[in-house]
Amino acid sequence: MTSSDFNMLQLEAPRDMLQITDGTHPTEGAVEITNPATWIRTMVRHQKQAERDLKQLTDLCGNTIDRTDQRIQQIKEAYQTLAEGTRYIYDRANANLEIEEAWVRSELAAAANTYQTFAQNVWQEIIKRTQEANQQQISQALQLGTGQQCSGLPG
């Protein structure tokens, strides 16, 4: 999503999980939405932030993500929900169709709640991974420090 003008929104198709982890971009182009409603900007901003959060998580975890972990499953499902909402907007705008008011009413609150849950789960996982890495570094430093002290003792 880029905003070249206050009254214009250039919406890119949302990326799927594989595209986020391998760094590729969607093959679809972008669609411009003139005078987008505030809720459209908000949904798109949530979905794009979710992409950045997922990228940060996968950069931190690499191949060590346990895809069977419940929190990881919740993150994946929440991202999919956000991406589907953005995809709906993208597809409707790309086909020059109006966005249905009934969809807006039912999905807008759900998308906001989904993003909140998604962000909380992603950041809890990032914090957990960061703390584990810090503990491992402290443990290694202590082992090195103890080893250096012991190696200087007369045998």
N, C-alpha and C. Protein backbone atom coordinates (compact mmCIF):
# COMPACT_ATOMS: atom_id res chain seq x y z
N MET A 1 0.85 -1.17 0.00
CA MET A 1 0.00 0.00 0.00
C MET A 1 0.90 1.23 0.00
N THR A 2 0.67 2.11 -0.92
CA THR A 2 1.35 3.39 -0.92
C THR A 2 0.29 4.47 -1.09
N SER A 3 0.59 5.60 -0.55
CA SER A 3 -0.35 6.70 -0.66
C SER A 3 0.35 7.85 -1.37
N SER A 4 0.04 8.04 -2.65
CA SER A 4 0.68 9.10 -3.40
C SER A 4 -0.04 10.42 -3.22
N ASP A 5 -1.27 10.37 -2.76
CA ASP A 5 -2.08 11.55 -2.60
C ASP A 5 -3.09 11.25 -1.51
N PHE A 6 -3.48 12.25 -0.79
CA PHE A 6 -4.43 12.04 0.31
C PHE A 6 -5.72 11.39 -0.18
N ASN A 7 -6.12 11.68 -1.43
CA ASN A 7 -7.38 11.17 -1.96
C ASN A 7 -7.22 9.91 -2.81
N MET A 8 -6.03 9.29 -2.77
CA MET A 8 -5.78 8.12 -3.60
C MET A 8 -5.07 7.06 -2.75
N LEU A 9 -5.49 5.83 -2.92
CA LEU A 9 -4.84 4.70 -2.24
C LEU A 9 -4.45 3.71 -3.31
N GLN A 10 -3.17 3.35 -3.35
CA GLN A 10 -2.72 2.32 -4.27
C GLN A 10 -2.62 1.03 -3.48
N LEU A 11 -3.52 0.11 -3.73
CA LEU A 11 -3.63 -1.11 -2.97
C LEU A 11 -3.01 -2.28 -3.73
N GLU A 12 -2.02 -2.92 -3.10
CA GLU A 12 -1.41 -4.11 -3.68
C GLU A 12 -2.15 -5.32 -3.15
N ALA A 13 -2.17 -6.38 -3.96
CA ALA A 13 -2.78 -7.63 -3.51
C ALA A 13 -2.00 -8.13 -2.30
N PRO A 14 -2.68 -8.67 -1.30
CA PRO A 14 -1.97 -9.16 -0.10
C PRO A 14 -1.09 -10.36 -0.43
N ARG A 15 0.00 -10.47 0.28
CA ARG A 15 0.91 -11.60 0.09
C ARG A 15 0.44 -12.77 0.94
N ASP A 16 0.74 -13.98 0.45
CA ASP A 16 0.43 -15.14 1.27
C ASP A 16 1.62 -15.43 2.18
N MET A 17 1.47 -16.41 3.06
CA MET A 17 2.51 -16.70 4.07
C MET A 17 3.84 -17.06 3.41
N LEU A 18 3.81 -17.85 2.35
CA LEU A 18 5.04 -18.26 1.68
C LEU A 18 5.75 -17.06 1.08
N GLN A 19 5.01 -16.17 0.46
CA GLN A 19 5.61 -14.97 -0.12
C GLN A 19 6.26 -14.11 0.95
N ILE A 20 5.66 -14.06 2.13
CA ILE A 20 6.25 -13.27 3.21
C ILE A 20 7.55 -13.91 3.68
N THR A 21 7.56 -15.23 3.86
CA THR A 21 8.75 -15.89 4.39
C THR A 21 9.89 -15.94 3.37
N ASP A 22 9.56 -16.05 2.07
CA ASP A 22 10.65 -16.09 1.10
C ASP A 22 10.94 -14.74 0.46
N GLY A 23 10.17 -13.71 0.82
CA GLY A 23 10.46 -12.35 0.38
C GLY A 23 9.96 -12.01 -1.01
N THR A 24 9.14 -12.85 -1.62
CA THR A 24 8.62 -12.53 -2.95
C THR A 24 7.37 -11.66 -2.83
N HIS A 25 7.04 -11.03 -3.93
CA HIS A 25 5.87 -10.17 -3.96
C HIS A 25 4.79 -10.83 -4.81
N PRO A 26 3.53 -10.42 -4.61
CA PRO A 26 2.46 -11.03 -5.40
C PRO A 26 2.66 -10.74 -6.88
N THR A 27 2.16 -11.64 -7.71
CA THR A 27 2.29 -11.44 -9.15
C THR A 27 1.29 -10.40 -9.65
N GLU A 28 0.22 -10.19 -8.90
CA GLU A 28 -0.75 -9.17 -9.30
C GLU A 28 -0.15 -7.79 -9.10
N GLY A 29 -0.71 -6.86 -9.81
CA GLY A 29 -0.26 -5.49 -9.68
C GLY A 29 -0.93 -4.78 -8.52
N ALA A 30 -1.21 -3.54 -8.74
CA ALA A 30 -1.87 -2.73 -7.72
C ALA A 30 -3.12 -2.12 -8.35
N VAL A 31 -4.03 -1.76 -7.50
CA VAL A 31 -5.25 -1.10 -7.95
C VAL A 31 -5.36 0.22 -7.19
N GLU A 32 -5.77 1.26 -7.90
CA GLU A 32 -5.90 2.57 -7.26
C GLU A 32 -7.35 2.78 -6.84
N ILE A 33 -7.51 3.26 -5.62
CA ILE A 33 -8.85 3.56 -5.10
C ILE A 33 -8.89 5.05 -4.82
N THR A 34 -9.79 5.72 -5.52
CA THR A 34 -9.94 7.16 -5.34
C THR A 34 -10.85 7.43 -4.16
N ASN A 35 -10.48 8.38 -3.35
CA ASN A 35 -11.24 8.75 -2.16
C ASN A 35 -11.62 7.54 -1.31
N PRO A 36 -10.63 6.76 -0.87
CA PRO A 36 -10.95 5.57 -0.07
C PRO A 36 -11.52 5.96 1.29
N ALA A 37 -12.46 5.17 1.74
CA ALA A 37 -13.05 5.42 3.06
C ALA A 37 -11.98 5.16 4.13
N THR A 38 -12.15 5.78 5.26
CA THR A 38 -11.21 5.62 6.37
C THR A 38 -11.08 4.16 6.76
N TRP A 39 -12.21 3.41 6.75
CA TRP A 39 -12.14 2.01 7.15
C TRP A 39 -11.29 1.19 6.18
N ILE A 40 -11.30 1.56 4.88
CA ILE A 40 -10.46 0.84 3.92
C ILE A 40 -8.99 1.08 4.25
N ARG A 41 -8.64 2.33 4.49
CA ARG A 41 -7.25 2.65 4.85
C ARG A 41 -6.84 1.89 6.11
N THR A 42 -7.74 1.82 7.09
CA THR A 42 -7.43 1.14 8.34
C THR A 42 -7.22 -0.36 8.12
N MET A 43 -8.11 -0.99 7.37
CA MET A 43 -7.96 -2.43 7.10
C MET A 43 -6.67 -2.72 6.36
N VAL A 44 -6.37 -1.91 5.38
CA VAL A 44 -5.15 -2.11 4.59
C VAL A 44 -3.92 -1.89 5.46
N ARG A 45 -3.96 -0.89 6.31
CA ARG A 45 -2.83 -0.62 7.21
C ARG A 45 -2.62 -1.79 8.17
N HIS A 46 -3.69 -2.36 8.70
CA HIS A 46 -3.58 -3.53 9.57
C HIS A 46 -2.95 -4.71 8.83
N GLN A 47 -3.41 -4.96 7.63
CA GLN A 47 -2.91 -6.10 6.87
C GLN A 47 -1.43 -5.91 6.52
N LYS A 48 -1.04 -4.72 6.12
CA LYS A 48 0.36 -4.45 5.78
C LYS A 48 1.24 -4.54 7.02
N GLN A 49 0.76 -4.04 8.16
CA GLN A 49 1.53 -4.16 9.39
C GLN A 49 1.67 -5.63 9.78
N ALA A 50 0.62 -6.40 9.55
CA ALA A 50 0.69 -7.84 9.83
C ALA A 50 1.76 -8.49 8.97
N GLU A 51 1.88 -8.10 7.71
CA GLU A 51 2.95 -8.64 6.85
C GLU A 51 4.32 -8.32 7.44
N ARG A 52 4.51 -7.07 7.87
CA ARG A 52 5.81 -6.67 8.45
C ARG A 52 6.09 -7.45 9.74
N ASP A 53 5.06 -7.63 10.59
CA ASP A 53 5.24 -8.38 11.84
C ASP A 53 5.61 -9.83 11.56
N LEU A 54 4.93 -10.44 10.58
CA LEU A 54 5.24 -11.83 10.22
C LEU A 54 6.65 -11.95 9.68
N LYS A 55 7.06 -10.99 8.88
CA LYS A 55 8.42 -11.00 8.33
C LYS A 55 9.43 -10.92 9.45
N GLN A 56 9.19 -10.06 10.43
CA GLN A 56 10.09 -9.93 11.57
C GLN A 56 10.15 -11.23 12.36
N LEU A 57 9.00 -11.87 12.57
CA LEU A 57 8.96 -13.13 13.29
C LEU A 57 9.74 -14.21 12.54
N THR A 58 9.51 -14.33 11.24
CA THR A 58 10.21 -15.37 10.49
C THR A 58 11.70 -15.07 10.37
N ASP A 59 12.08 -13.80 10.31
CA ASP A 59 13.51 -13.46 10.30
C ASP A 59 14.16 -13.88 11.62
N LEU A 60 13.45 -13.68 12.72
CA LEU A 60 13.97 -14.03 14.03
C LEU A 60 14.05 -15.54 14.22
N CYS A 61 13.02 -16.24 13.79
CA CYS A 61 12.92 -17.69 14.05
C CYS A 61 13.57 -18.56 12.98
N GLY A 62 13.69 -18.04 11.78
CA GLY A 62 14.24 -18.87 10.72
C GLY A 62 13.41 -20.12 10.51
N ASN A 63 14.08 -21.26 10.45
CA ASN A 63 13.39 -22.54 10.23
C ASN A 63 12.98 -23.21 11.52
N THR A 64 13.08 -22.50 12.65
CA THR A 64 12.79 -23.14 13.94
C THR A 64 11.34 -22.96 14.38
N ILE A 65 10.49 -22.45 13.51
CA ILE A 65 9.08 -22.27 13.88
C ILE A 65 8.41 -23.62 13.92
N ASP A 66 7.77 -23.90 15.05
CA ASP A 66 7.02 -25.14 15.21
C ASP A 66 5.61 -24.90 14.68
N ARG A 67 5.37 -25.35 13.47
CA ARG A 67 4.09 -25.08 12.80
C ARG A 67 2.91 -25.78 13.48
N THR A 68 3.19 -26.69 14.41
CA THR A 68 2.11 -27.36 15.14
C THR A 68 1.77 -26.61 16.44
N ASP A 69 2.59 -25.64 16.82
CA ASP A 69 2.36 -24.86 18.03
C ASP A 69 1.04 -24.09 17.89
N GLN A 70 0.24 -24.09 18.95
CA GLN A 70 -1.08 -23.45 18.91
C GLN A 70 -0.98 -21.95 18.60
N ARG A 71 -0.02 -21.27 19.21
CA ARG A 71 0.10 -19.83 18.96
C ARG A 71 0.47 -19.57 17.50
N ILE A 72 1.34 -20.38 16.93
CA ILE A 72 1.71 -20.21 15.53
C ILE A 72 0.50 -20.46 14.63
N GLN A 73 -0.30 -21.45 14.97
CA GLN A 73 -1.52 -21.72 14.21
C GLN A 73 -2.48 -20.53 14.29
N GLN A 74 -2.62 -19.92 15.48
CA GLN A 74 -3.49 -18.76 15.64
C GLN A 74 -2.97 -17.57 14.84
N ILE A 75 -1.66 -17.39 14.81
CA ILE A 75 -1.06 -16.31 14.03
C ILE A 75 -1.37 -16.52 12.55
N LYS A 76 -1.18 -17.74 12.09
CA LYS A 76 -1.43 -18.06 10.68
C LYS A 76 -2.89 -17.82 10.31
N GLU A 77 -3.81 -18.28 11.15
CA GLU A 77 -5.25 -18.11 10.88
C GLU A 77 -5.65 -16.63 10.90
N ALA A 78 -5.12 -15.88 11.86
CA ALA A 78 -5.45 -14.46 11.95
C ALA A 78 -4.91 -13.71 10.73
N TYR A 79 -3.69 -14.03 10.32
CA TYR A 79 -3.15 -13.37 9.12
C TYR A 79 -4.02 -13.69 7.91
N GLN A 80 -4.43 -14.94 7.79
CA GLN A 80 -5.26 -15.34 6.66
C GLN A 80 -6.57 -14.54 6.64
N THR A 81 -7.16 -14.33 7.81
CA THR A 81 -8.39 -13.54 7.90
C THR A 81 -8.16 -12.11 7.43
N LEU A 82 -7.06 -11.52 7.88
CA LEU A 82 -6.75 -10.15 7.47
C LEU A 82 -6.49 -10.08 5.97
N ALA A 83 -5.74 -11.03 5.45
CA ALA A 83 -5.41 -11.04 4.03
C ALA A 83 -6.68 -11.24 3.18
N GLU A 84 -7.59 -12.07 3.65
CA GLU A 84 -8.84 -12.29 2.90
C GLU A 84 -9.67 -11.01 2.82
N GLY A 85 -9.70 -10.24 3.91
CA GLY A 85 -10.41 -8.96 3.89
C GLY A 85 -9.78 -8.00 2.90
N THR A 86 -8.47 -7.92 2.91
CA THR A 86 -7.77 -7.04 1.98
C THR A 86 -7.95 -7.54 0.55
N ARG A 87 -7.91 -8.86 0.37
CA ARG A 87 -8.10 -9.46 -0.96
C ARG A 87 -9.49 -9.11 -1.51
N TYR A 88 -10.49 -9.14 -0.64
CA TYR A 88 -11.86 -8.80 -1.06
C TYR A 88 -11.88 -7.36 -1.58
N ILE A 89 -11.30 -6.46 -0.82
CA ILE A 89 -11.27 -5.06 -1.25
C ILE A 89 -10.52 -4.93 -2.57
N TYR A 90 -9.35 -5.58 -2.67
CA TYR A 90 -8.53 -5.52 -3.88
C TYR A 90 -9.32 -6.05 -5.08
N ASP A 91 -9.91 -7.24 -4.94
CA ASP A 91 -10.65 -7.85 -6.06
C ASP A 91 -11.83 -6.99 -6.50
N ARG A 92 -12.59 -6.47 -5.53
CA ARG A 92 -13.75 -5.64 -5.88
C ARG A 92 -13.31 -4.35 -6.57
N ALA A 93 -12.27 -3.71 -6.05
CA ALA A 93 -11.79 -2.47 -6.67
C ALA A 93 -11.20 -2.75 -8.05
N ASN A 94 -10.49 -3.86 -8.19
CA ASN A 94 -9.87 -4.22 -9.46
C ASN A 94 -10.94 -4.51 -10.52
N ALA A 95 -12.08 -5.05 -10.11
CA ALA A 95 -13.17 -5.35 -11.04
C ALA A 95 -14.14 -4.17 -11.19
N ASN A 96 -13.80 -3.06 -10.57
CA ASN A 96 -14.64 -1.86 -10.61
C ASN A 96 -16.03 -2.12 -10.03
N LEU A 97 -16.09 -2.92 -8.98
CA LEU A 97 -17.35 -3.24 -8.31
C LEU A 97 -17.40 -2.53 -6.97
N GLU A 98 -18.59 -2.24 -6.54
CA GLU A 98 -18.75 -1.60 -5.23
C GLU A 98 -18.50 -2.62 -4.12
N ILE A 99 -18.03 -2.12 -3.02
CA ILE A 99 -17.83 -2.97 -1.85
C ILE A 99 -19.15 -3.00 -1.10
N GLU A 100 -19.63 -4.20 -0.85
CA GLU A 100 -20.96 -4.37 -0.27
C GLU A 100 -21.02 -3.88 1.17
N GLU A 101 -22.03 -3.09 1.45
CA GLU A 101 -22.19 -2.50 2.78
C GLU A 101 -22.39 -3.58 3.85
N ALA A 102 -23.08 -4.66 3.50
CA ALA A 102 -23.29 -5.76 4.46
C ALA A 102 -21.95 -6.39 4.85
N TRP A 103 -21.05 -6.52 3.88
CA TRP A 103 -19.72 -7.07 4.16
C TRP A 103 -18.98 -6.14 5.12
N VAL A 104 -19.06 -4.86 4.86
CA VAL A 104 -18.37 -3.88 5.71
C VAL A 104 -18.84 -4.00 7.15
N ARG A 105 -20.15 -4.03 7.34
CA ARG A 105 -20.70 -4.12 8.70
C ARG A 105 -20.23 -5.38 9.42
N SER A 106 -20.25 -6.51 8.72
CA SER A 106 -19.91 -7.77 9.39
C SER A 106 -18.40 -7.95 9.58
N GLU A 107 -17.61 -7.43 8.67
CA GLU A 107 -16.18 -7.73 8.68
C GLU A 107 -15.31 -6.70 9.38
N LEU A 108 -15.75 -5.47 9.46
CA LEU A 108 -14.88 -4.41 9.98
C LEU A 108 -14.50 -4.64 11.44
N ALA A 109 -15.46 -4.90 12.29
CA ALA A 109 -15.16 -5.15 13.70
C ALA A 109 -14.36 -6.43 13.85
N ALA A 110 -14.70 -7.44 13.08
CA ALA A 110 -13.96 -8.71 13.14
C ALA A 110 -12.51 -8.50 12.73
N ALA A 111 -12.27 -7.70 11.71
CA ALA A 111 -10.90 -7.45 11.26
C ALA A 111 -10.09 -6.71 12.33
N ALA A 112 -10.71 -5.74 12.99
CA ALA A 112 -10.01 -5.00 14.05
C ALA A 112 -9.65 -5.93 15.20
N ASN A 113 -10.59 -6.77 15.61
CA ASN A 113 -10.31 -7.72 16.69
C ASN A 113 -9.26 -8.74 16.27
N THR A 114 -9.35 -9.20 15.04
CA THR A 114 -8.38 -10.17 14.52
C THR A 114 -6.98 -9.59 14.54
N TYR A 115 -6.85 -8.35 14.08
CA TYR A 115 -5.52 -7.74 14.06
C TYR A 115 -4.97 -7.60 15.48
N GLN A 116 -5.80 -7.21 16.41
CA GLN A 116 -5.35 -7.06 17.80
C GLN A 116 -4.83 -8.39 18.35
N THR A 117 -5.58 -9.45 18.13
CA THR A 117 -5.16 -10.79 18.57
C THR A 117 -3.89 -11.22 17.85
N PHE A 118 -3.85 -11.00 16.55
CA PHE A 118 -2.70 -11.34 15.73
C PHE A 118 -1.44 -10.66 16.27
N ALA A 119 -1.51 -9.35 16.44
CA ALA A 119 -0.35 -8.59 16.90
C ALA A 119 0.12 -9.06 18.28
N GLN A 120 -0.82 -9.31 19.16
CA GLN A 120 -0.47 -9.79 20.50
C GLN A 120 0.26 -11.14 20.43
N ASN A 121 -0.26 -12.07 19.64
CA ASN A 121 0.37 -13.38 19.51
C ASN A 121 1.75 -13.30 18.86
N VAL A 122 1.87 -12.49 17.81
CA VAL A 122 3.17 -12.36 17.13
C VAL A 122 4.20 -11.78 18.09
N TRP A 123 3.85 -10.73 18.79
CA TRP A 123 4.82 -10.08 19.67
C TRP A 123 5.14 -10.93 20.90
N GLN A 124 4.18 -11.71 21.37
CA GLN A 124 4.49 -12.65 22.46
C GLN A 124 5.51 -13.68 21.98
N GLU A 125 5.35 -14.14 20.77
CA GLU A 125 6.29 -15.12 20.21
C GLU A 125 7.66 -14.49 19.99
N ILE A 126 7.68 -13.26 19.50
CA ILE A 126 8.96 -12.56 19.28
C ILE A 126 9.67 -12.35 20.62
N ILE A 127 8.93 -11.91 21.64
CA ILE A 127 9.52 -11.70 22.97
C ILE A 127 10.04 -13.02 23.52
N LYS A 128 9.26 -14.08 23.39
CA LYS A 128 9.68 -15.41 23.86
C LYS A 128 10.99 -15.82 23.19
N ARG A 129 11.05 -15.67 21.87
CA ARG A 129 12.25 -16.06 21.13
C ARG A 129 13.45 -15.19 21.51
N THR A 130 13.21 -13.91 21.70
CA THR A 130 14.29 -13.01 22.08
C THR A 130 14.81 -13.35 23.47
N GLN A 131 13.91 -13.65 24.40
CA GLN A 131 14.34 -14.02 25.75
C GLN A 131 15.11 -15.33 25.74
N GLU A 132 14.66 -16.30 24.92
CA GLU A 132 15.39 -17.57 24.82
C GLU A 132 16.79 -17.34 24.26
N ALA A 133 16.90 -16.49 23.25
CA ALA A 133 18.21 -16.20 22.66
C ALA A 133 19.11 -15.49 23.68
N ASN A 134 18.54 -14.56 24.45
CA ASN A 134 19.32 -13.85 25.47
C ASN A 134 19.80 -14.82 26.55
N GLN A 135 18.93 -15.73 26.99
CA GLN A 135 19.32 -16.71 28.00
C GLN A 135 20.44 -17.61 27.48
N GLN A 136 20.34 -17.97 26.21
CA GLN A 136 21.37 -18.82 25.62
C GLN A 136 22.71 -18.07 25.57
N GLN A 137 22.69 -16.79 25.23
CA GLN A 137 23.92 -15.99 25.18
C GLN A 137 24.52 -15.84 26.58
N ILE A 138 23.67 -15.62 27.59
CA ILE A 138 24.16 -15.49 28.96
C ILE A 138 24.79 -16.81 29.41
N SER A 139 24.12 -17.88 29.09
CA SER A 139 24.62 -19.20 29.47
C SER A 139 25.97 -19.48 28.81
N GLN A 140 26.10 -19.15 27.55
CA GLN A 140 27.36 -19.35 26.84
C GLN A 140 28.46 -18.46 27.42
N ALA A 141 28.11 -17.23 27.75
CA ALA A 141 29.10 -16.32 28.34
C ALA A 141 29.58 -16.83 29.69
N LEU A 142 28.64 -17.36 30.49
CA LEU A 142 29.03 -17.91 31.79
C LEU A 142 29.93 -19.12 31.62
N GLN A 143 29.63 -19.96 30.66
CA GLN A 143 30.46 -21.14 30.40
C GLN A 143 31.85 -20.73 29.95
N LEU A 144 31.92 -19.74 29.09
CA LEU A 144 33.22 -19.25 28.63
C LEU A 144 34.01 -18.63 29.78
N GLY A 145 33.31 -17.83 30.60
CA GLY A 145 33.96 -17.19 31.75
C GLY A 145 34.46 -18.22 32.74
N THR A 146 33.67 -19.23 33.03
CA THR A 146 34.07 -20.29 33.96
C THR A 146 35.21 -21.10 33.37
N GLY A 147 35.15 -21.37 32.08
CA GLY A 147 36.20 -22.14 31.43
C GLY A 147 37.52 -21.41 31.44
N GLN A 148 37.51 -20.10 31.25
CA GLN A 148 38.75 -19.31 31.25
C GLN A 148 39.35 -19.29 32.64
N GLN A 149 38.52 -19.14 33.66
CA GLN A 149 39.03 -19.11 35.01
C GLN A 149 39.64 -20.45 35.39
N CYS A 150 38.97 -21.53 35.01
CA CYS A 150 39.45 -22.87 35.37
C CYS A 150 40.71 -23.21 34.61
N SER A 151 40.84 -22.74 33.38
CA SER A 151 42.02 -23.13 32.60
C SER A 151 43.29 -22.47 33.13
N GLY A 152 43.14 -21.39 33.88
CA GLY A 152 44.33 -20.72 34.43
C GLY A 152 44.79 -21.33 35.75
N LEU A 153 44.05 -22.27 36.29
CA LEU A 153 44.42 -22.88 37.58
C LEU A 153 45.53 -23.93 37.35
N PRO A 154 46.45 -24.03 38.30
CA PRO A 154 47.49 -25.06 38.15
C PRO A 154 46.86 -26.43 38.27
N GLY A 155 47.29 -27.35 37.44
CA GLY A 155 46.70 -28.67 37.42
C GLY A 155 47.52 -29.60 38.14
